[in-house]
Amino acid sequence: MSQFPHIDKLNDAARAARDKCESALREALPPGTRVEIKAGPEWIGKYEVQEYQRFSYGQVPLKNVDTGVERRVGYQQVRKA
């Protein structure tokens, strides 16, 4: 505990919410899932979800199926193909 217990409580609640969100994300988009990403108004590409890093915080690791290029995007920019 720090010298600011009221902030510690808020931080603990935020951590719990983030962990719950990460679990739901990994369940909804497990590695191997085929997805497309949003680029402007369009959905593009054939991407495959890769193994998540330990601290991804809403980022989805992707690999382009055709080119092999890897990237990370926010889950809001992804939809299942």
N, C-alpha and C. Protein backbone atom coordinates (compact mmCIF):
# COMPACT_ATOMS: atom_id res chain seq x y z
N MET A 1 0.84 -1.19 0.00
CA MET A 1 0.00 0.00 0.00
C MET A 1 0.88 1.25 0.00
N SER A 2 0.38 2.24 -0.67
CA SER A 2 1.10 3.51 -0.73
C SER A 2 0.58 4.45 0.35
N GLN A 3 1.01 5.66 0.26
CA GLN A 3 0.54 6.70 1.18
C GLN A 3 -0.81 7.26 0.74
N PHE A 4 -1.36 6.68 -0.34
CA PHE A 4 -2.63 7.17 -0.90
C PHE A 4 -3.61 6.01 -1.05
N PRO A 5 -4.18 5.54 0.06
CA PRO A 5 -5.04 4.35 0.00
C PRO A 5 -6.27 4.52 -0.89
N HIS A 6 -6.80 5.72 -1.01
CA HIS A 6 -7.96 5.92 -1.88
C HIS A 6 -7.58 5.71 -3.35
N ILE A 7 -6.36 6.08 -3.71
CA ILE A 7 -5.90 5.85 -5.08
C ILE A 7 -5.57 4.37 -5.28
N ASP A 8 -5.02 3.73 -4.26
CA ASP A 8 -4.73 2.28 -4.33
C ASP A 8 -5.99 1.49 -4.63
N LYS A 9 -7.10 1.85 -4.01
CA LYS A 9 -8.37 1.14 -4.25
C LYS A 9 -8.82 1.30 -5.69
N LEU A 10 -8.70 2.52 -6.21
CA LEU A 10 -9.08 2.76 -7.61
C LEU A 10 -8.17 1.99 -8.56
N ASN A 11 -6.89 1.97 -8.27
CA ASN A 11 -5.94 1.25 -9.11
C ASN A 11 -6.22 -0.25 -9.09
N ASP A 12 -6.56 -0.79 -7.94
CA ASP A 12 -6.90 -2.21 -7.85
C ASP A 12 -8.14 -2.53 -8.67
N ALA A 13 -9.14 -1.65 -8.61
CA ALA A 13 -10.36 -1.86 -9.40
C ALA A 13 -10.06 -1.78 -10.89
N ALA A 14 -9.21 -0.84 -11.29
CA ALA A 14 -8.85 -0.71 -12.70
C ALA A 14 -8.09 -1.94 -13.17
N ARG A 15 -7.20 -2.47 -12.35
CA ARG A 15 -6.43 -3.66 -12.71
C ARG A 15 -7.36 -4.86 -12.88
N ALA A 16 -8.31 -5.01 -11.98
CA ALA A 16 -9.25 -6.13 -12.07
C ALA A 16 -10.09 -6.02 -13.34
N ALA A 17 -10.54 -4.82 -13.67
CA ALA A 17 -11.34 -4.62 -14.88
C ALA A 17 -10.51 -4.90 -16.13
N ARG A 18 -9.25 -4.45 -16.15
CA ARG A 18 -8.37 -4.70 -17.29
C ARG A 18 -8.11 -6.19 -17.47
N ASP A 19 -7.88 -6.89 -16.37
CA ASP A 19 -7.64 -8.34 -16.44
C ASP A 19 -8.87 -9.07 -16.97
N LYS A 20 -10.04 -8.63 -16.55
CA LYS A 20 -11.29 -9.25 -17.03
C LYS A 20 -11.47 -9.00 -18.53
N CYS A 21 -11.15 -7.79 -18.97
CA CYS A 21 -11.24 -7.45 -20.40
C CYS A 21 -10.26 -8.28 -21.21
N GLU A 22 -9.03 -8.42 -20.73
CA GLU A 22 -8.02 -9.21 -21.44
C GLU A 22 -8.45 -10.67 -21.56
N SER A 23 -9.03 -11.23 -20.50
CA SER A 23 -9.49 -12.62 -20.56
C SER A 23 -10.59 -12.79 -21.59
N ALA A 24 -11.52 -11.84 -21.61
CA ALA A 24 -12.62 -11.91 -22.58
C ALA A 24 -12.10 -11.77 -24.01
N LEU A 25 -11.11 -10.89 -24.22
CA LEU A 25 -10.53 -10.70 -25.54
C LEU A 25 -9.85 -11.98 -26.03
N ARG A 26 -9.07 -12.60 -25.16
CA ARG A 26 -8.36 -13.82 -25.53
C ARG A 26 -9.31 -14.99 -25.77
N GLU A 27 -10.45 -14.96 -25.11
CA GLU A 27 -11.46 -16.00 -25.33
C GLU A 27 -12.19 -15.76 -26.66
N ALA A 28 -12.48 -14.50 -26.96
CA ALA A 28 -13.20 -14.15 -28.19
C ALA A 28 -12.34 -14.31 -29.44
N LEU A 29 -11.03 -14.02 -29.31
CA LEU A 29 -10.11 -14.08 -30.44
C LEU A 29 -8.88 -14.91 -30.06
N PRO A 30 -9.04 -16.22 -29.96
CA PRO A 30 -7.88 -17.05 -29.62
C PRO A 30 -6.87 -17.10 -30.76
N PRO A 31 -5.62 -17.44 -30.46
CA PRO A 31 -4.62 -17.58 -31.53
C PRO A 31 -5.11 -18.53 -32.62
N GLY A 32 -4.84 -18.14 -33.86
CA GLY A 32 -5.28 -18.94 -35.00
C GLY A 32 -6.56 -18.43 -35.64
N THR A 33 -7.26 -17.53 -34.98
CA THR A 33 -8.50 -16.97 -35.52
C THR A 33 -8.18 -16.09 -36.72
N ARG A 34 -8.94 -16.23 -37.80
CA ARG A 34 -8.77 -15.40 -38.99
C ARG A 34 -9.59 -14.13 -38.82
N VAL A 35 -8.97 -12.98 -39.10
CA VAL A 35 -9.62 -11.69 -38.92
C VAL A 35 -9.27 -10.75 -40.07
N GLU A 36 -10.01 -9.65 -40.12
CA GLU A 36 -9.72 -8.53 -41.00
C GLU A 36 -9.51 -7.32 -40.10
N ILE A 37 -8.83 -6.30 -40.62
CA ILE A 37 -8.63 -5.09 -39.84
C ILE A 37 -9.25 -3.90 -40.55
N LYS A 38 -9.65 -2.91 -39.76
CA LYS A 38 -10.27 -1.71 -40.31
C LYS A 38 -9.19 -0.73 -40.72
N ALA A 39 -9.26 -0.29 -41.95
CA ALA A 39 -8.36 0.73 -42.48
C ALA A 39 -9.24 1.80 -43.12
N GLY A 40 -9.46 2.87 -42.38
CA GLY A 40 -10.39 3.89 -42.85
C GLY A 40 -11.80 3.29 -42.85
N PRO A 41 -12.54 3.47 -43.94
CA PRO A 41 -13.90 2.92 -43.98
C PRO A 41 -13.96 1.45 -44.40
N GLU A 42 -12.80 0.88 -44.77
CA GLU A 42 -12.79 -0.48 -45.32
C GLU A 42 -12.21 -1.50 -44.34
N TRP A 43 -12.61 -2.75 -44.55
CA TRP A 43 -12.02 -3.89 -43.83
C TRP A 43 -11.09 -4.58 -44.82
N ILE A 44 -9.83 -4.75 -44.41
CA ILE A 44 -8.83 -5.27 -45.34
C ILE A 44 -8.09 -6.48 -44.78
N GLY A 45 -7.48 -7.19 -45.68
CA GLY A 45 -6.50 -8.21 -45.35
C GLY A 45 -7.04 -9.52 -44.84
N LYS A 46 -6.15 -10.48 -44.88
CA LYS A 46 -6.37 -11.79 -44.28
C LYS A 46 -5.31 -11.91 -43.20
N TYR A 47 -5.72 -11.77 -41.96
CA TYR A 47 -4.79 -11.84 -40.84
C TYR A 47 -5.15 -13.00 -39.93
N GLU A 48 -4.16 -13.47 -39.22
CA GLU A 48 -4.36 -14.54 -38.26
C GLU A 48 -3.85 -14.06 -36.90
N VAL A 49 -4.65 -14.28 -35.87
CA VAL A 49 -4.26 -13.88 -34.52
C VAL A 49 -3.09 -14.77 -34.07
N GLN A 50 -2.05 -14.12 -33.54
CA GLN A 50 -0.87 -14.81 -33.03
C GLN A 50 -0.97 -14.96 -31.51
N GLU A 51 0.04 -15.57 -30.90
CA GLU A 51 0.06 -15.72 -29.45
C GLU A 51 0.12 -14.33 -28.80
N TYR A 52 -0.70 -14.14 -27.77
CA TYR A 52 -0.72 -12.86 -27.07
C TYR A 52 0.52 -12.71 -26.21
N GLN A 53 1.01 -11.48 -26.11
CA GLN A 53 2.09 -11.19 -25.20
C GLN A 53 1.54 -11.07 -23.80
N ARG A 54 2.39 -11.12 -22.82
CA ARG A 54 1.92 -11.11 -21.44
C ARG A 54 1.11 -9.86 -21.12
N PHE A 55 1.59 -8.71 -21.53
CA PHE A 55 0.89 -7.46 -21.26
C PHE A 55 0.45 -6.83 -22.58
N SER A 56 -0.67 -7.30 -23.12
CA SER A 56 -1.11 -6.78 -24.42
C SER A 56 -2.08 -5.61 -24.28
N TYR A 57 -2.83 -5.53 -23.19
CA TYR A 57 -3.72 -4.40 -22.92
C TYR A 57 -4.57 -3.98 -24.11
N GLY A 58 -5.35 -4.90 -24.62
CA GLY A 58 -6.28 -4.58 -25.70
C GLY A 58 -5.68 -4.66 -27.09
N GLN A 59 -4.42 -5.00 -27.20
CA GLN A 59 -3.76 -5.13 -28.49
C GLN A 59 -3.85 -6.57 -28.98
N VAL A 60 -4.16 -6.73 -30.25
CA VAL A 60 -4.26 -8.06 -30.86
C VAL A 60 -3.05 -8.26 -31.78
N PRO A 61 -2.22 -9.26 -31.50
CA PRO A 61 -1.07 -9.52 -32.38
C PRO A 61 -1.52 -10.29 -33.62
N LEU A 62 -1.20 -9.77 -34.79
CA LEU A 62 -1.67 -10.35 -36.05
C LEU A 62 -0.52 -10.65 -36.99
N LYS A 63 -0.77 -11.60 -37.88
CA LYS A 63 0.19 -11.90 -38.95
C LYS A 63 -0.59 -11.99 -40.24
N ASN A 64 -0.14 -11.26 -41.26
CA ASN A 64 -0.78 -11.30 -42.57
C ASN A 64 -0.56 -12.68 -43.17
N VAL A 65 -1.63 -13.34 -43.55
CA VAL A 65 -1.57 -14.70 -44.08
C VAL A 65 -0.79 -14.76 -45.39
N ASP A 66 -0.94 -13.73 -46.22
CA ASP A 66 -0.30 -13.73 -47.54
C ASP A 66 1.17 -13.31 -47.50
N THR A 67 1.48 -12.27 -46.71
CA THR A 67 2.83 -11.71 -46.74
C THR A 67 3.70 -12.09 -45.55
N GLY A 68 3.07 -12.52 -44.46
CA GLY A 68 3.83 -12.86 -43.26
C GLY A 68 4.18 -11.67 -42.38
N VAL A 69 3.76 -10.47 -42.77
CA VAL A 69 4.05 -9.27 -42.00
C VAL A 69 3.24 -9.31 -40.70
N GLU A 70 3.92 -9.01 -39.59
CA GLU A 70 3.25 -9.01 -38.29
C GLU A 70 2.98 -7.58 -37.84
N ARG A 71 1.88 -7.42 -37.11
CA ARG A 71 1.52 -6.11 -36.56
C ARG A 71 0.63 -6.30 -35.36
N ARG A 72 0.47 -5.25 -34.60
CA ARG A 72 -0.45 -5.24 -33.46
C ARG A 72 -1.44 -4.12 -33.66
N VAL A 73 -2.71 -4.41 -33.44
CA VAL A 73 -3.75 -3.39 -33.55
C VAL A 73 -4.69 -3.51 -32.36
N GLY A 74 -5.39 -2.44 -32.09
CA GLY A 74 -6.38 -2.46 -31.02
C GLY A 74 -7.55 -3.37 -31.40
N TYR A 75 -8.14 -4.00 -30.41
CA TYR A 75 -9.23 -4.94 -30.69
C TYR A 75 -10.41 -4.26 -31.39
N GLN A 76 -10.55 -2.94 -31.24
CA GLN A 76 -11.65 -2.22 -31.88
C GLN A 76 -11.51 -2.21 -33.40
N GLN A 77 -10.30 -2.45 -33.91
CA GLN A 77 -10.05 -2.41 -35.35
C GLN A 77 -10.13 -3.79 -35.98
N VAL A 78 -10.62 -4.79 -35.26
CA VAL A 78 -10.60 -6.17 -35.74
C VAL A 78 -12.02 -6.73 -35.82
N ARG A 79 -12.25 -7.52 -36.86
CA ARG A 79 -13.49 -8.31 -36.92
C ARG A 79 -13.12 -9.69 -37.48
N LYS A 80 -13.92 -10.68 -37.09
CA LYS A 80 -13.67 -12.03 -37.59
C LYS A 80 -13.96 -12.09 -39.08
N ALA A 81 -13.12 -12.80 -39.81
CA ALA A 81 -13.28 -12.90 -41.26
C ALA A 81 -14.33 -13.93 -41.61
